[in-house]
Protein backbone atom coordinates (compact mmCIF):
# COMPACT_ATOMS: atom_id res chain seq x y z
CA UNK A 1 57.17 -3.65 -6.45
CA UNK A 2 55.60 -1.31 -8.83
CA UNK A 3 54.95 1.48 -6.21
CA UNK A 4 57.96 0.97 -3.87
CA UNK A 5 57.75 4.64 -2.62
CA UNK A 6 53.93 4.22 -1.58
CA UNK A 7 53.22 4.35 2.16
CA UNK A 8 51.71 1.65 4.30
CA UNK A 9 50.01 2.74 7.31
CA UNK A 10 51.15 0.28 10.25
CA UNK A 11 50.24 -0.21 13.91
CA UNK A 12 53.19 -0.41 15.88
CA UNK A 13 53.17 -1.66 19.51
CA UNK A 14 55.99 -0.53 22.09
CA UNK A 15 54.97 -2.13 25.22
CA UNK A 16 51.68 -0.42 26.22
CA UNK A 17 51.97 2.35 23.85
CA UNK A 18 50.90 2.11 20.21
CA UNK A 19 51.19 4.41 17.27
CA UNK A 20 50.20 4.39 13.61
CA UNK A 21 53.14 5.27 11.37
CA UNK A 22 53.56 5.46 7.42
CA UNK A 23 56.22 3.08 6.30
CA UNK A 24 57.46 2.69 2.77
CA UNK A 25 56.14 -0.22 0.87
CA UNK A 26 59.56 -1.46 0.01
CA UNK A 27 60.41 -1.71 3.65
CA UNK A 28 57.35 -3.73 4.49
CA UNK A 29 57.82 -5.92 1.72
CA UNK A 30 61.32 -6.59 2.65
CA UNK A 31 60.52 -7.20 6.31
CA UNK A 32 57.69 -9.67 5.31
CA UNK A 33 60.10 -11.48 2.74
CA UNK A 34 62.86 -11.93 5.33
CA UNK A 35 60.33 -13.24 7.90
CA UNK A 36 59.07 -15.76 5.42
CA UNK A 37 62.61 -16.73 4.80
CA UNK A 38 63.48 -17.29 8.30
CA UNK A 39 60.33 -19.11 9.06
CA UNK A 40 61.08 -21.36 5.97
CA UNK A 41 64.49 -21.99 7.03
CA UNK A 42 63.69 -22.83 10.86
CA UNK A 43 61.01 -25.39 9.41
CA UNK A 44 63.63 -27.33 7.47
CA UNK A 45 64.70 -29.54 10.41
CA UNK A 46 61.08 -29.89 11.99
CA UNK A 47 59.34 -33.14 11.79
CA UNK A 48 55.83 -32.51 10.62
CA UNK A 49 53.55 -32.88 7.89
CA UNK A 50 53.91 -29.66 6.04
CA UNK A 51 57.79 -29.24 6.55
CA UNK A 52 57.45 -25.34 5.94
CA UNK A 53 56.08 -25.68 2.44
CA UNK A 54 53.86 -22.59 2.64
CA UNK A 55 56.63 -20.47 3.67
CA UNK A 56 58.35 -21.57 0.32
CA UNK A 57 55.30 -21.26 -1.38
CA UNK A 58 55.03 -17.41 -0.38
CA UNK A 59 58.57 -16.75 -1.24
CA UNK A 60 58.34 -18.22 -4.71
CA UNK A 61 55.05 -16.49 -5.37
CA UNK A 62 56.81 -13.08 -4.21
CA UNK A 63 59.79 -13.82 -6.61
CA UNK A 64 57.54 -14.85 -9.55
CA UNK A 65 55.28 -11.96 -8.83
CA UNK A 66 58.16 -9.56 -8.99
CA UNK A 67 59.50 -10.87 -12.10
CA UNK A 68 56.34 -10.82 -13.88
CA UNK A 69 55.74 -7.22 -12.83
CA UNK A 70 58.99 -6.10 -14.11
CA UNK A 71 58.48 -7.88 -17.43
CA UNK A 72 54.97 -6.25 -17.77
CA UNK A 73 56.46 -2.89 -17.00
CA UNK A 74 58.97 -3.33 -19.89
CA UNK A 75 56.43 -4.61 -22.50
CA UNK A 76 53.84 -1.77 -21.63
CA UNK A 77 56.82 0.96 -22.10
CA UNK A 78 57.76 -0.75 -25.31
CA UNK A 79 54.27 -0.71 -26.46
CA UNK A 80 53.74 2.88 -25.79
CA UNK A 81 57.10 3.79 -27.60
CA UNK A 82 56.08 1.92 -30.72
CA UNK A 83 52.46 3.14 -30.75
CA UNK A 84 53.00 6.34 -32.76
CA UNK A 85 49.82 8.59 -33.41
CA UNK A 86 48.80 8.58 -36.83
CA UNK A 87 50.08 11.44 -38.94
CA UNK A 88 47.58 14.04 -39.78
CA UNK A 89 47.47 15.68 -43.35
């Protein structure tokens, strides 16, 4: 979330062929988030001990982490603006 334009090197399989490609981090995070959401929704009706709790824990951790990162960036920017260098002379 802090570096959405960073590149993530990914191994992509196309049948017998494979290739390393660089993908923007925001695409990788979005794909991961959607996969977690789909897996969590498919587990809602399943009768098992966990019931998809781990998928929702990942989603919640992602959202909370994104919100806290945004807050931290805002606080750091305010601190830099308010920290004026001492006057000389």
